[in-house]
PDB file of N, CA and C in Angstrom:
ATOM      1  N   MET A   1     113.468 258.462 111.011  1.00  0.00           N
ATOM      2  CA  MET A   1     114.799 258.658 111.563  1.00  0.00           C
ATOM      3  C   MET A   1     115.815 258.246 110.497  1.00  0.00           C
ATOM      4  N   ILE A   2     116.810 259.039 110.303  1.00  0.00           N
ATOM      5  CA  ILE A   2     117.813 258.744 109.292  1.00  0.00           C
ATOM      6  C   ILE A   2     119.124 258.381 109.980  1.00  0.00           C
ATOM      7  N   LEU A   3     119.609 257.192 109.704  1.00  0.00           N
ATOM      8  CA  LEU A   3     120.888 256.729 110.221  1.00  0.00           C
ATOM      9  C   LEU A   3     121.731 256.237 109.060  1.00  0.00           C
ATOM     10  N   TYR A   4     122.915 256.735 108.976  1.00  0.00           N
ATOM     11  CA  TYR A   4     123.855 256.309 107.950  1.00  0.00           C
ATOM     12  C   TYR A   4     123.263 256.418 106.543  1.00  0.00           C
ATOM     13  N   GLY A   5     122.388 257.381 106.332  1.00  0.00           N
ATOM     14  CA  GLY A   5     121.838 257.615 105.002  1.00  0.00           C
ATOM     15  C   GLY A   5     120.717 256.674 104.617  1.00  0.00           C
ATOM     16  N   ILE A   6     120.281 255.782 105.516  1.00  0.00           N
ATOM     17  CA  ILE A   6     119.202 254.857 105.206  1.00  0.00           C
ATOM     18  C   ILE A   6     118.006 255.224 106.072  1.00  0.00           C
ATOM     19  N   LYS A   7     116.893 255.455 105.441  1.00  0.00           N
ATOM     20  CA  LYS A   7     115.692 255.828 106.177  1.00  0.00           C
ATOM     21  C   LYS A   7     114.946 254.556 106.570  1.00  0.00           C
ATOM     22  N   GLU A   8     114.802 254.359 107.864  1.00  0.00           N
ATOM     23  CA  GLU A   8     114.089 253.200 108.394  1.00  0.00           C
ATOM     24  C   GLU A   8     112.726 253.658 108.877  1.00  0.00           C
ATOM     25  N   GLU A   9     111.669 253.077 108.343  1.00  0.00           N
ATOM     26  CA  GLU A   9     110.319 253.419 108.755  1.00  0.00           C
ATOM     27  C   GLU A   9     109.574 252.174 109.177  1.00  0.00           C
ATOM     28  N   GLU A  10     108.657 252.349 110.114  1.00  0.00           N
ATOM     29  CA  GLU A  10     107.788 251.252 110.522  1.00  0.00           C
ATOM     30  C   GLU A  10     106.617 251.207 109.553  1.00  0.00           C
ATOM     31  N   PRO A  11     106.326 250.036 109.010  1.00  0.00           N
ATOM     32  CA  PRO A  11     105.225 249.945 108.042  1.00  0.00           C
ATOM     33  C   PRO A  11     103.878 250.206 108.707  1.00  0.00           C
ATOM     34  N   GLU A  12     102.963 250.752 107.931  1.00  0.00           N
ATOM     35  CA  GLU A  12     101.638 251.094 108.450  1.00  0.00           C
ATOM     36  C   GLU A  12     100.644 249.952 108.264  1.00  0.00           C
ATOM     37  N   SER A  13     100.982 248.972 107.445  1.00  0.00           N
ATOM     38  CA  SER A  13     100.072 247.858 107.210  1.00  0.00           C
ATOM     39  C   SER A  13     100.877 246.581 106.967  1.00  0.00           C
ATOM     40  N   ILE A  14     100.184 245.465 107.074  1.00  0.00           N
ATOM     41  CA  ILE A  14     100.819 244.166 106.816  1.00  0.00           C
ATOM     42  C   ILE A  14     101.257 244.070 105.358  1.00  0.00           C
ATOM     43  N   TYR A  15     100.527 244.711 104.468  1.00  0.00           N
ATOM     44  CA  TYR A  15     100.858 244.657 103.042  1.00  0.00           C
ATOM     45  C   TYR A  15     102.195 245.337 102.760  1.00  0.00           C
ATOM     46  N   LYS A  16     102.447 246.464 103.406  1.00  0.00           N
ATOM     47  CA  LYS A  16     103.733 247.150 103.236  1.00  0.00           C
ATOM     48  C   LYS A  16     104.859 246.365 103.905  1.00  0.00           C
ATOM     49  N   ALA A  17     104.556 245.760 105.067  1.00  0.00           N
ATOM     50  CA  ALA A  17     105.581 245.001 105.792  1.00  0.00           C
ATOM     51  C   ALA A  17     106.028 243.785 104.999  1.00  0.00           C
ATOM     52  N   LEU A  18     105.115 243.139 104.319  1.00  0.00           N
ATOM     53  CA  LEU A  18     105.457 241.926 103.571  1.00  0.00           C
ATOM     54  C   LEU A  18     106.316 242.204 102.343  1.00  0.00           C
ATOM     55  N   GLN A  19     106.530 243.456 102.020  1.00  0.00           N
ATOM     56  CA  GLN A  19     107.405 243.812 100.908  1.00  0.00           C
ATOM     57  C   GLN A  19     108.870 243.829 101.313  1.00  0.00           C
ATOM     58  N   SER A  20     109.138 243.738 102.623  1.00  0.00           N
ATOM     59  CA  SER A  20     110.512 243.779 103.132  1.00  0.00           C
ATOM     60  C   SER A  20     110.870 242.437 103.764  1.00  0.00           C
ATOM     61  N   SER A  21     112.037 241.909 103.442  1.00  0.00           N
ATOM     62  CA  SER A  21     112.465 240.632 104.016  1.00  0.00           C
ATOM     63  C   SER A  21     112.708 240.743 105.523  1.00  0.00           C
ATOM     64  N   ASN A  22     113.160 241.908 105.998  1.00  0.00           N
ATOM     65  CA  ASN A  22     113.374 242.099 107.437  1.00  0.00           C
ATOM     66  C   ASN A  22     112.067 241.989 108.205  1.00  0.00           C
ATOM     67  N   TRP A  23     111.019 242.640 107.697  1.00  0.00           N
ATOM     68  CA  TRP A  23     109.729 242.580 108.374  1.00  0.00           C
ATOM     69  C   TRP A  23     109.101 241.200 108.237  1.00  0.00           C
ATOM     70  N   LYS A  24     109.312 240.521 107.112  1.00  0.00           N
ATOM     71  CA  LYS A  24     108.800 239.162 106.954  1.00  0.00           C
ATOM     72  C   LYS A  24     109.383 238.238 108.022  1.00  0.00           C
ATOM     73  N   GLU A  25     110.682 238.380 108.288  1.00  0.00           N
ATOM     74  CA  GLU A  25     111.327 237.565 109.319  1.00  0.00           C
ATOM     75  C   GLU A  25     110.758 237.870 110.702  1.00  0.00           C
ATOM     76  N   ALA A  26     110.505 239.147 110.989  1.00  0.00           N
ATOM     77  CA  ALA A  26     109.939 239.532 112.291  1.00  0.00           C
ATOM     78  C   ALA A  26     108.531 238.976 112.448  1.00  0.00           C
ATOM     79  N   ILE A  27     107.733 239.034 111.396  1.00  0.00           N
ATOM     80  CA  ILE A  27     106.373 238.487 111.425  1.00  0.00           C
ATOM     81  C   ILE A  27     106.422 236.986 111.646  1.00  0.00           C
ATOM     82  N   GLN A  28     107.288 236.307 110.917  1.00  0.00           N
ATOM     83  CA  GLN A  28     107.411 234.853 111.043  1.00  0.00           C
ATOM     84  C   GLN A  28     107.857 234.464 112.451  1.00  0.00           C
ATOM     85  N   ALA A  29     108.781 235.206 113.026  1.00  0.00           N
ATOM     86  CA  ALA A  29     109.267 234.912 114.380  1.00  0.00           C
ATOM     87  C   ALA A  29     108.145 235.066 115.409  1.00  0.00           C
ATOM     88  N   ASP A  30     107.341 236.121 115.288  1.00  0.00           N
ATOM     89  CA  ASP A  30     106.239 236.325 116.225  1.00  0.00           C
ATOM     90  C   ASP A  30     105.183 235.237 116.044  1.00  0.00           C
ATOM     91  N   PHE A  31     104.868 234.902 114.815  1.00  0.00           N
ATOM     92  CA  PHE A  31     103.863 233.871 114.544  1.00  0.00           C
ATOM     93  C   PHE A  31     104.318 232.517 115.103  1.00  0.00           C
ATOM     94  N   GLU A  32     105.594 232.182 114.918  1.00  0.00           N
ATOM     95  CA  GLU A  32     106.117 230.922 115.446  1.00  0.00           C
ATOM     96  C   GLU A  32     106.088 230.916 116.974  1.00  0.00           C
ATOM     97  N   ALA A  33     106.362 232.055 117.611  1.00  0.00           N
ATOM     98  CA  ALA A  33     106.303 232.144 119.073  1.00  0.00           C
ATOM     99  C   ALA A  33     104.874 231.944 119.563  1.00  0.00           C
ATOM    100  N   LEU A  34     103.900 232.510 118.862  1.00  0.00           N
ATOM    101  CA  LEU A  34     102.498 232.320 119.235  1.00  0.00           C
ATOM    102  C   LEU A  34     102.095 230.852 119.133  1.00  0.00           C
ATOM    103  N   GLU A  35     102.526 230.198 118.069  1.00  0.00           N
ATOM    104  CA  GLU A  35     102.202 228.775 117.903  1.00  0.00           C
ATOM    105  C   GLU A  35     102.917 227.913 118.932  1.00  0.00           C
ATOM    106  N   MET A  36     104.183 228.190 119.205  1.00  0.00           N
ATOM    107  CA  MET A  36     104.960 227.396 120.146  1.00  0.00           C
ATOM    108  C   MET A  36     104.382 227.505 121.564  1.00  0.00           C
ATOM    109  N   ASN A  37     103.854 228.678 121.927  1.00  0.00           N
ATOM    110  CA  ASN A  37     103.287 228.894 123.256  1.00  0.00           C
ATOM    111  C   ASN A  37     101.821 228.465 123.352  1.00  0.00           C
ATOM    112  N   ASN A  38     101.293 227.865 122.299  1.00  0.00           N
ATOM    113  CA  ASN A  38      99.887 227.443 122.259  1.00  0.00           C
ATOM    114  C   ASN A  38      98.956 228.594 122.646  1.00  0.00           C
ATOM    115  N   THR A  39      99.181 229.746 122.036  1.00  0.00           N
ATOM    116  CA  THR A  39      98.399 230.935 122.332  1.00  0.00           C
ATOM    117  C   THR A  39      96.958 230.790 121.881  1.00  0.00           C
ATOM    118  N   TRP A  40      96.729 230.055 120.827  1.00  0.00           N
ATOM    119  CA  TRP A  40      95.370 229.875 120.337  1.00  0.00           C
ATOM    120  C   TRP A  40      95.186 228.480 119.779  1.00  0.00           C
ATOM    121  N   MET A  41      93.924 228.156 119.525  1.00  0.00           N
ATOM    122  CA  MET A  41      93.602 226.922 118.820  1.00  0.00           C
ATOM    123  C   MET A  41      92.451 227.230 117.871  1.00  0.00           C
ATOM    124  N   LEU A  42      92.443 226.550 116.741  1.00  0.00           N
ATOM    125  CA  LEU A  42      91.391 226.764 115.766  1.00  0.00           C
ATOM    126  C   LEU A  42      90.142 226.008 116.197  1.00  0.00           C
ATOM    127  N   VAL A  43      89.028 226.704 116.210  1.00  0.00           N
ATOM    128  CA  VAL A  43      87.742 226.099 116.555  1.00  0.00           C
ATOM    129  C   VAL A  43      86.691 226.614 115.578  1.00  0.00           C
ATOM    130  N   THR A  44      85.566 225.943 115.546  1.00  0.00           N
ATOM    131  CA  THR A  44      84.455 226.397 114.720  1.00  0.00           C
ATOM    132  C   THR A  44      83.770 227.553 115.436  1.00  0.00           C
ATOM    133  N   LEU A  45      83.508 228.609 114.718  1.00  0.00           N
ATOM    134  CA  LEU A  45      82.867 229.780 115.292  1.00  0.00           C
ATOM    135  C   LEU A  45      81.401 229.458 115.572  1.00  0.00           C
ATOM    136  N   PRO A  46      80.948 229.644 116.827  1.00  0.00           N
ATOM    137  CA  PRO A  46      79.543 229.367 117.145  1.00  0.00           C
ATOM    138  C   PRO A  46      78.605 230.249 116.322  1.00  0.00           C
ATOM    139  N   GLU A  47      77.425 229.735 116.075  1.00  0.00           N
ATOM    140  CA  GLU A  47      76.441 230.457 115.273  1.00  0.00           C
ATOM    141  C   GLU A  47      76.049 231.759 115.969  1.00  0.00           C
ATOM    142  N   GLY A  48      75.979 232.837 115.212  1.00  0.00           N
ATOM    143  CA  GLY A  48      75.591 234.130 115.752  1.00  0.00           C
ATOM    144  C   GLY A  48      76.730 234.911 116.389  1.00  0.00           C
ATOM    145  N   ARG A  49      77.939 234.407 116.308  1.00  0.00           N
ATOM    146  CA  ARG A  49      79.099 235.087 116.899  1.00  0.00           C
ATOM    147  C   ARG A  49      79.989 235.649 115.803  1.00  0.00           C
ATOM    148  N   LYS A  50      80.697 236.723 116.141  1.00  0.00           N
ATOM    149  CA  LYS A  50      81.660 237.318 115.220  1.00  0.00           C
ATOM    150  C   LYS A  50      83.068 237.030 115.731  1.00  0.00           C
ATOM    151  N   ALA A  51      83.972 236.813 114.827  1.00  0.00           N
ATOM    152  CA  ALA A  51      85.373 236.605 115.205  1.00  0.00           C
ATOM    153  C   ALA A  51      85.987 237.931 115.629  1.00  0.00           C
ATOM    154  N   VAL A  52      86.899 237.881 116.602  1.00  0.00           N
ATOM    155  CA  VAL A  52      87.628 239.067 117.027  1.00  0.00           C
ATOM    156  C   VAL A  52      88.744 239.302 116.012  1.00  0.00           C
ATOM    157  N   CYS A  53      88.769 240.477 115.444  1.00  0.00           N
ATOM    158  CA  CYS A  53      89.775 240.793 114.422  1.00  0.00           C
ATOM    159  C   CYS A  53      91.133 241.054 115.063  1.00  0.00           C
ATOM    160  N   CYS A  54      92.158 240.966 114.252  1.00  0.00           N
ATOM    161  CA  CYS A  54      93.526 241.198 114.712  1.00  0.00           C
ATOM    162  C   CYS A  54      94.198 242.242 113.830  1.00  0.00           C
ATOM    163  N   LYS A  55      95.276 242.796 114.348  1.00  0.00           N
ATOM    164  CA  LYS A  55      96.065 243.760 113.596  1.00  0.00           C
ATOM    165  C   LYS A  55      97.528 243.562 113.933  1.00  0.00           C
ATOM    166  N   TRP A  56      98.378 243.650 112.928  1.00  0.00           N
ATOM    167  CA  TRP A  56      99.821 243.569 113.136  1.00  0.00           C
ATOM    168  C   TRP A  56     100.345 244.946 113.504  1.00  0.00           C
ATOM    169  N   LEU A  57     101.187 244.989 114.540  1.00  0.00           N
ATOM    170  CA  LEU A  57     101.871 246.217 114.941  1.00  0.00           C
ATOM    171  C   LEU A  57     103.365 246.046 114.719  1.00  0.00           C
ATOM    172  N   PHE A  58     104.013 247.085 114.243  1.00  0.00           N
ATOM    173  CA  PHE A  58     105.431 247.006 113.894  1.00  0.00           C
ATOM    174  C   PHE A  58     106.221 248.089 114.618  1.00  0.00           C
ATOM    175  N   ARG A  59     107.393 247.721 115.136  1.00  0.00           N
ATOM    176  CA  ARG A  59     108.278 248.672 115.799  1.00  0.00           C
ATOM    177  C   ARG A  59     109.727 248.351 115.440  1.00  0.00           C
ATOM    178  N   ILE A  60     110.512 249.403 115.303  1.00  0.00           N
ATOM    179  CA  ILE A  60     111.950 249.246 115.114  1.00  0.00           C
ATOM    180  C   ILE A  60     112.586 249.520 116.469  1.00  0.00           C
ATOM    181  N   LYS A  61     113.274 248.529 117.007  1.00  0.00           N
ATOM    182  CA  LYS A  61     113.965 248.681 118.289  1.00  0.00           C
ATOM    183  C   LYS A  61     115.375 249.165 118.003  1.00  0.00           C
ATOM    184  N   ARG A  62     115.811 250.137 118.789  1.00  0.00           N
ATOM    185  CA  ARG A  62     117.138 250.717 118.589  1.00  0.00           C
ATOM    186  C   ARG A  62     117.978 250.598 119.845  1.00  0.00           C
ATOM    187  N   ASN A  63     119.287 250.547 119.652  1.00  0.00           N
ATOM    188  CA  ASN A  63     120.230 250.571 120.771  1.00  0.00           C
ATOM    189  C   ASN A  63     120.304 251.987 121.326  1.00  0.00           C
ATOM    190  N   VAL A  64     120.986 252.147 122.440  1.00  0.00           N
ATOM    191  CA  VAL A  64     121.111 253.455 123.077  1.00  0.00           C
ATOM    192  C   VAL A  64     121.761 254.470 122.143  1.00  0.00           C
ATOM    193  N   ASN A  65     122.711 254.019 121.350  1.00  0.00           N
ATOM    194  CA  ASN A  65     123.408 254.942 120.451  1.00  0.00           C
ATOM    195  C   ASN A  65     122.634 255.211 119.153  1.00  0.00           C
ATOM    196  N   GLY A  66     121.418 254.639 119.031  1.00  0.00           N
ATOM    197  CA  GLY A  66     120.574 254.910 117.869  1.00  0.00           C
ATOM    198  C   GLY A  66     120.707 253.915 116.733  1.00  0.00           C
ATOM    199  N   THR A  67     121.601 252.947 116.858  1.00  0.00           N
ATOM    200  CA  THR A  67     121.738 251.955 115.800  1.00  0.00           C
ATOM    201  C   THR A  67     120.610 250.942 115.887  1.00  0.00           C
ATOM    202  N   LEU A  68     120.336 250.294 114.775  1.00  0.00           N
ATOM    203  CA  LEU A  68     119.251 249.326 114.684  1.00  0.00           C
ATOM    204  C   LEU A  68     119.545 248.095 115.524  1.00  0.00           C
ATOM    205  N   GLN A  69     118.615 247.734 116.391  1.00  0.00           N
ATOM    206  CA  GLN A  69     118.760 246.522 117.193  1.00  0.00           C
ATOM    207  C   GLN A  69     117.992 245.370 116.542  1.00  0.00           C
ATOM    208  N   CYS A  70     116.698 245.580 116.276  1.00  0.00           N
ATOM    209  CA  CYS A  70     115.911 244.535 115.620  1.00  0.00           C
ATOM    210  C   CYS A  70     114.575 245.097 115.165  1.00  0.00           C
ATOM    211  N   TYR A  71     113.920 244.317 114.329  1.00  0.00           N
ATOM    212  CA  TYR A  71     112.579 244.616 113.866  1.00  0.00           C
ATOM    213  C   TYR A  71     111.618 243.777 114.704  1.00  0.00           C
ATOM    214  N   LYS A  72     110.579 244.394 115.266  1.00  0.00           N
ATOM    215  CA  LYS A  72     109.626 243.678 116.096  1.00  0.00           C
ATOM    216  C   LYS A  72     108.243 243.752 115.460  1.00  0.00           C
ATOM    217  N   ALA A  73     107.601 242.610 115.342  1.00  0.00           N
ATOM    218  CA  ALA A  73     106.224 242.538 114.857  1.00  0.00           C
ATOM    219  C   ALA A  73     105.407 241.852 115.941  1.00  0.00           C
ATOM    220  N   ARG A  74     104.166 242.316 116.125  1.00  0.00           N
ATOM    221  CA  ARG A  74     103.312 241.734 117.150  1.00  0.00           C
ATOM    222  C   ARG A  74     101.874 241.709 116.638  1.00  0.00           C
ATOM    223  N   LEU A  75     101.225 240.567 116.813  1.00  0.00           N
ATOM    224  CA  LEU A  75      99.830 240.424 116.423  1.00  0.00           C
ATOM    225  C   LEU A  75      98.951 240.744 117.624  1.00  0.00           C
ATOM    226  N   GLU A  76      98.095 241.747 117.472  1.00  0.00           N
ATOM    227  CA  GLU A  76      97.230 242.206 118.562  1.00  0.00           C
ATOM    228  C   GLU A  76      95.778 241.957 118.199  1.00  0.00           C
ATOM    229  N   ALA A  77      95.011 241.463 119.167  1.00  0.00           N
ATOM    230  CA  ALA A  77      93.569 241.312 118.983  1.00  0.00           C
ATOM    231  C   ALA A  77      92.911 242.664 119.228  1.00  0.00           C
ATOM    232  N   LYS A  78      91.893 242.942 118.462  1.00  0.00           N
ATOM    233  CA  LYS A  78      91.123 244.174 118.661  1.00  0.00           C
ATOM    234  C   LYS A  78      90.071 243.880 119.723  1.00  0.00           C
ATOM    235  N   ARG A  79      90.496 243.968 120.985  1.00  0.00           N
ATOM    236  CA  ARG A  79      89.652 243.542 122.100  1.00  0.00           C
ATOM    237  C   ARG A  79      88.420 244.403 122.296  1.00  0.00           C
ATOM    238  N   PHE A  80      88.410 245.617 121.772  1.00  0.00           N
ATOM    239  CA  PHE A  80      87.263 246.494 121.961  1.00  0.00           C
ATOM    240  C   PHE A  80      86.004 245.927 121.310  1.00  0.00           C
ATOM    241  N   SER A  81      86.148 244.949 120.413  1.00  0.00           N
ATOM    242  CA  SER A  81      84.987 244.364 119.742  1.00  0.00           C
ATOM    243  C   SER A  81      84.400 243.191 120.525  1.00  0.00           C
ATOM    244  N   GLN A  82      85.034 242.803 121.653  1.00  0.00           N
ATOM    245  CA  GLN A  82      84.532 241.696 122.446  1.00  0.00           C
ATOM    246  C   GLN A  82      83.381 242.148 123.342  1.00  0.00           C
ATOM    247  N   VAL A  83      82.467 241.208 123.595  1.00  0.00           N
ATOM    248  CA  VAL A  83      81.319 241.478 124.451  1.00  0.00           C
ATOM    249  C   VAL A  83      81.469 240.655 125.728  1.00  0.00           C
ATOM    250  N   PRO A  84      81.524 241.305 126.911  1.00  0.00           N
ATOM    251  CA  PRO A  84      81.655 240.551 128.164  1.00  0.00           C
ATOM    252  C   PRO A  84      80.491 239.583 128.352  1.00  0.00           C
ATOM    253  N   GLY A  85      80.800 238.378 128.818  1.00  0.00           N
ATOM    254  CA  GLY A  85      79.784 237.361 129.016  1.00  0.00           C
ATOM    255  C   GLY A  85      79.451 236.585 127.765  1.00  0.00           C
ATOM    256  N   GLN A  86      79.789 237.126 126.616  1.00  0.00           N
ATOM    257  CA  GLN A  86      79.524 236.438 125.356  1.00  0.00           C
ATOM    258  C   GLN A  86      80.830 235.945 124.745  1.00  0.00           C
ATOM    259  N   ASP A  87      81.802 236.826 124.608  1.00  0.00           N
ATOM    260  CA  ASP A  87      83.088 236.459 124.021  1.00  0.00           C
ATOM    261  C   ASP A  87      84.098 236.022 125.078  1.00  0.00           C
ATOM    262  N   PHE A  88      83.882 236.422 126.304  1.00  0.00           N
ATOM    263  CA  PHE A  88      84.775 236.015 127.398  1.00  0.00           C
ATOM    264  C   PHE A  88      84.018 236.123 128.706  1.00  0.00           C
ATOM    265  N   HIS A  89      84.541 235.434 129.702  1.00  0.00           N
ATOM    266  CA  HIS A  89      83.944 235.492 131.033  1.00  0.00           C
ATOM    267  C   HIS A  89      84.969 236.153 131.949  1.00  0.00           C
ATOM    268  N   ASP A  90      85.159 235.657 133.125  1.00  0.00           N
ATOM    269  CA  ASP A  90      86.125 236.252 134.042  1.00  0.00           C
ATOM    270  C   ASP A  90      87.532 236.135 133.481  1.00  0.00           C
ATOM    271  N   THR A  91      88.292 237.197 133.604  1.00  0.00           N
ATOM    272  CA  THR A  91      89.699 237.154 133.204  1.00  0.00           C
ATOM    273  C   THR A  91      90.550 237.476 134.410  1.00  0.00           C
ATOM    274  N   PHE A  92      91.633 236.768 134.544  1.00  0.00           N
ATOM    275  CA  PHE A  92      92.525 236.992 135.675  1.00  0.00           C
ATOM    276  C   PHE A  92      93.923 236.585 135.257  1.00  0.00           C
ATOM    277  N   ASN A  93      94.867 237.439 135.537  1.00  0.00           N
ATOM    278  CA  ASN A  93      96.258 237.155 135.226  1.00  0.00           C
ATOM    279  C   ASN A  93      97.044 237.227 136.532  1.00  0.00           C
ATOM    280  N   PRO A  94      97.382 236.064 137.118  1.00  0.00           N
ATOM    281  CA  PRO A  94      98.088 236.096 138.404  1.00  0.00           C
ATOM    282  C   PRO A  94      99.523 236.595 138.231  1.00  0.00           C
ATOM    283  N   VAL A  95      99.793 237.743 138.827  1.00  0.00           N
ATOM    284  CA  VAL A  95     101.126 238.323 138.770  1.00  0.00           C
ATOM    285  C   VAL A  95     101.513 238.696 140.195  1.00  0.00           C
ATOM    286  N   VAL A  96     102.700 238.305 140.589  1.00  0.00           N
ATOM    287  CA  VAL A  96     103.172 238.634 141.926  1.00  0.00           C
ATOM    288  C   VAL A  96     104.633 239.062 141.822  1.00  0.00           C
ATOM    289  N   LYS A  97     104.988 240.044 142.612  1.00  0.00           N
ATOM    290  CA  LYS A  97     106.378 240.511 142.615  1.00  0.00           C
ATOM    291  C   LYS A  97     107.235 239.532 143.407  1.00  0.00           C
ATOM    292  N   SER A  98     108.458 239.377 142.985  1.00  0.00           N
ATOM    293  CA  SER A  98     109.363 238.474 143.696  1.00  0.00           C
ATOM    294  C   SER A  98     109.637 238.960 145.116  1.00  0.00           C
ATOM    295  N   SER A  99     109.606 240.272 145.340  1.00  0.00           N
ATOM    296  CA  SER A  99     109.817 240.794 146.693  1.00  0.00           C
ATOM    297  C   SER A  99     108.689 240.360 147.629  1.00  0.00           C
ATOM    298  N   THR A 100     107.461 240.255 147.114  1.00  0.00           N
ATOM    299  CA  THR A 100     106.338 239.787 147.918  1.00  0.00           C
ATOM    300  C   THR A 100     106.534 238.334 148.320  1.00  0.00           C
ATOM    301  N   ILE A 101     106.991 237.515 147.398  1.00  0.00           N
ATOM    302  CA  ILE A 101     107.255 236.106 147.703  1.00  0.00           C
ATOM    303  C   ILE A 101     108.349 236.003 148.756  1.00  0.00           C
ATOM    304  N   ASN A 102     109.391 236.818 148.641  1.00  0.00           N
ATOM    305  CA  ASN A 102     110.479 236.812 149.630  1.00  0.00           C
ATOM    306  C   ASN A 102     109.978 237.162 151.027  1.00  0.00           C
ATOM    307  N   VAL A 103     109.104 238.145 151.136  1.00  0.00           N
ATOM    308  CA  VAL A 103     108.560 238.535 152.435  1.00  0.00           C
ATOM    309  C   VAL A 103     107.725 237.414 153.027  1.00  0.00           C
ATOM    310  N   ILE A 104     106.876 236.806 152.227  1.00  0.00           N
ATOM    311  CA  ILE A 104     106.022 235.714 152.714  1.00  0.00           C
ATOM    312  C   ILE A 104     106.868 234.517 153.152  1.00  0.00           C
ATOM    313  N   LEU A 105     107.870 234.179 152.360  1.00  0.00           N
ATOM    314  CA  LEU A 105     108.745 233.057 152.728  1.00  0.00           C
ATOM    315  C   LEU A 105     109.546 233.346 154.006  1.00  0.00           C
ATOM    316  N   SER A 106     109.986 234.575 154.175  1.00  0.00           N
ATOM    317  CA  SER A 106     110.743 234.923 155.383  1.00  0.00           C
ATOM    318  C   SER A 106     109.847 234.881 156.633  1.00  0.00           C
ATOM    319  N   ILE A 107     108.593 235.330 156.498  1.00  0.00           N
ATOM    320  CA  ILE A 107     107.654 235.244 157.628  1.00  0.00           C
ATOM    321  C   ILE A 107     107.342 233.792 157.955  1.00  0.00           C
ATOM    322  N   ALA A 108     107.140 232.974 156.924  1.00  0.00           N
ATOM    323  CA  ALA A 108     106.863 231.544 157.143  1.00  0.00           C
ATOM    324  C   ALA A 108     108.049 230.851 157.797  1.00  0.00           C
ATOM    325  N   ALA A 109     109.255 231.175 157.373  1.00  0.00           N
ATOM    326  CA  ALA A 109     110.449 230.543 157.948  1.00  0.00           C
ATOM    327  C   ALA A 109     110.628 230.974 159.405  1.00  0.00           C
ATOM    328  N   ARG A 110     110.338 232.234 159.712  1.00  0.00           N
ATOM    329  CA  ARG A 110     110.483 232.726 161.071  1.00  0.00           C
ATOM    330  C   ARG A 110     109.463 232.081 162.012  1.00  0.00           C
ATOM    331  N   ASN A 111     108.290 231.781 161.517  1.00  0.00           N
ATOM    332  CA  ASN A 111     107.233 231.183 162.320  1.00  0.00           C
ATOM    333  C   ASN A 111     107.165 229.664 162.202  1.00  0.00           C
ATOM    334  N   ASN A 112     108.190 229.089 161.628  1.00  0.00           N
ATOM    335  CA  ASN A 112     108.256 227.634 161.414  1.00  0.00           C
ATOM    336  C   ASN A 112     107.021 227.116 160.704  1.00  0.00           C
TER     337      ASN A 112
END
């Protein structure tokens, strides 16, 4: 996409991204967020196991009018290489809509 005569492209690899200061800042911001949220911890890899590889994904976010909003970098695990029961067990992500909570609370309040 060409805006104001400057061609903005999303890098295809971490090596290309590290050549730009904008992408370096986006990578650093994502890495710091992962560390701050305690997303992972370093452990010794058990014998006979392989580490799950990761890949950096890059996106340029734009405003409605097409101007540059920000550079986004995200580290993704290549989950297809995981083996159920070996690399992970049960997974569950509890997600509930706020409207569901409102209905339950209103029924509870009505029934004392």
